[in-house]
C-alpha cells in the first residue's frame, strides 16, 4: 500500500476489486438516495397547489 492513496482505495480488498467495490458502494448510495427522492417527490406532488 502506497501512502497517499484515498481511503476508498484502502477500504477495497485489492486493486482488482477496488473498482467493483466503488461501484457497489455508489449503487447502494444512489439506490438509497433515489428512494428518498421519490418519496419526497411523491409527497410534494400530492400537496395541493404544487403544480399550478
C-alpha atoms as a PDB file:
ATOM      1  CA  UNK A   1       0.000   0.000   0.000  1.00  0.00           C
ATOM      2  CA  UNK A   2       1.464   3.312  -1.031  1.00  0.00           C
ATOM      3  CA  UNK A   3       0.915   6.327   1.203  1.00  0.00           C
ATOM      4  CA  UNK A   4      -1.301   8.950  -0.329  1.00  0.00           C
ATOM      5  CA  UNK A   5      -3.959   6.718  -1.875  1.00  0.00           C
ATOM      6  CA  UNK A   6      -7.512   7.531  -0.913  1.00  0.00           C
ATOM      7  CA  UNK A   7      -9.449   5.916   1.923  1.00  0.00           C
ATOM      8  CA  UNK A   8     -11.868   4.458  -0.627  1.00  0.00           C
ATOM      9  CA  UNK A   9      -8.959   2.636  -2.242  1.00  0.00           C
ATOM     10  CA  UNK A  10      -7.645   1.301   1.059  1.00  0.00           C
ATOM     11  CA  UNK A  11     -11.123   0.130   2.065  1.00  0.00           C
ATOM     12  CA  UNK A  12     -11.282  -2.109  -1.002  1.00  0.00           C
ATOM     13  CA  UNK A  13      -9.910  -5.628  -0.764  1.00  0.00           C
ATOM     14  CA  UNK A  14      -7.367  -5.175  -3.558  1.00  0.00           C
ATOM     15  CA  UNK A  15      -6.531  -3.266  -6.737  1.00  0.00           C
ATOM     16  CA  UNK A  16      -8.634  -5.626  -8.837  1.00  0.00           C
ATOM     17  CA  UNK A  17     -11.690  -5.287  -6.630  1.00  0.00           C
ATOM     18  CA  UNK A  18     -11.454  -1.563  -5.864  1.00  0.00           C
ATOM     19  CA  UNK A  19     -13.471  -0.585  -8.923  1.00  0.00           C
ATOM     20  CA  UNK A  20     -16.128  -3.196  -8.174  1.00  0.00           C
ATOM     21  CA  UNK A  21     -16.322  -2.111  -4.545  1.00  0.00           C
ATOM     22  CA  UNK A  22     -16.637   1.526  -5.553  1.00  0.00           C
ATOM     23  CA  UNK A  23     -19.416   0.657  -7.999  1.00  0.00           C
ATOM     24  CA  UNK A  24     -21.251  -1.372  -5.355  1.00  0.00           C
ATOM     25  CA  UNK A  25     -20.982   1.437  -2.801  1.00  0.00           C
ATOM     26  CA  UNK A  26     -22.113   4.004  -5.373  1.00  0.00           C
ATOM     27  CA  UNK A  27     -25.020   1.766  -6.336  1.00  0.00           C
ATOM     28  CA  UNK A  28     -26.146   1.447  -2.733  1.00  0.00           C
ATOM     29  CA  UNK A  29     -25.855   5.193  -2.136  1.00  0.00           C
ATOM     30  CA  UNK A  30     -27.717   6.034  -5.349  1.00  0.00           C
ATOM     31  CA  UNK A  31     -30.456   3.494  -4.632  1.00  0.00           C
ATOM     32  CA  UNK A  32     -30.978   4.901  -1.142  1.00  0.00           C
ATOM     33  CA  UNK A  33     -30.943   8.479  -2.444  1.00  0.00           C
ATOM     34  CA  UNK A  34     -33.329   7.522  -5.258  1.00  0.00           C
ATOM     35  CA  UNK A  35     -35.846   6.022  -2.825  1.00  0.00           C
ATOM     36  CA  UNK A  36     -35.718   9.103  -0.611  1.00  0.00           C
ATOM     37  CA  UNK A  37     -36.006  11.451  -3.573  1.00  0.00           C
ATOM     38  CA  UNK A  38     -39.006   9.544  -4.954  1.00  0.00           C
ATOM     39  CA  UNK A  39     -40.694   9.669  -1.538  1.00  0.00           C
ATOM     40  CA  UNK A  40     -40.104  13.410  -1.244  1.00  0.00           C
ATOM     41  CA  UNK A  41     -41.274  13.985  -4.819  1.00  0.00           C
ATOM     42  CA  UNK A  42     -44.450  11.975  -4.215  1.00  0.00           C
ATOM     43  CA  UNK A  43     -45.202  13.970  -1.079  1.00  0.00           C
ATOM     44  CA  UNK A  44     -44.591  17.211  -2.949  1.00  0.00           C
ATOM     45  CA  UNK A  45     -46.746  16.200  -5.906  1.00  0.00           C
ATOM     46  CA  UNK A  46     -49.620  15.195  -3.636  1.00  0.00           C
ATOM     47  CA  UNK A  47     -49.557  18.592  -1.940  1.00  0.00           C
ATOM     48  CA  UNK A  48     -52.377  20.801  -3.288  1.00  0.00           C
ATOM     49  CA  UNK A  49     -51.136  23.754  -5.286  1.00  0.00           C
ATOM     50  CA  UNK A  50     -47.795  22.131  -6.095  1.00  0.00           C
ATOM     51  CA  UNK A  51     -48.255  22.034  -9.870  1.00  0.00           C
ATOM     52  CA  UNK A  52     -50.109  25.240 -10.640  1.00  0.00           C
END
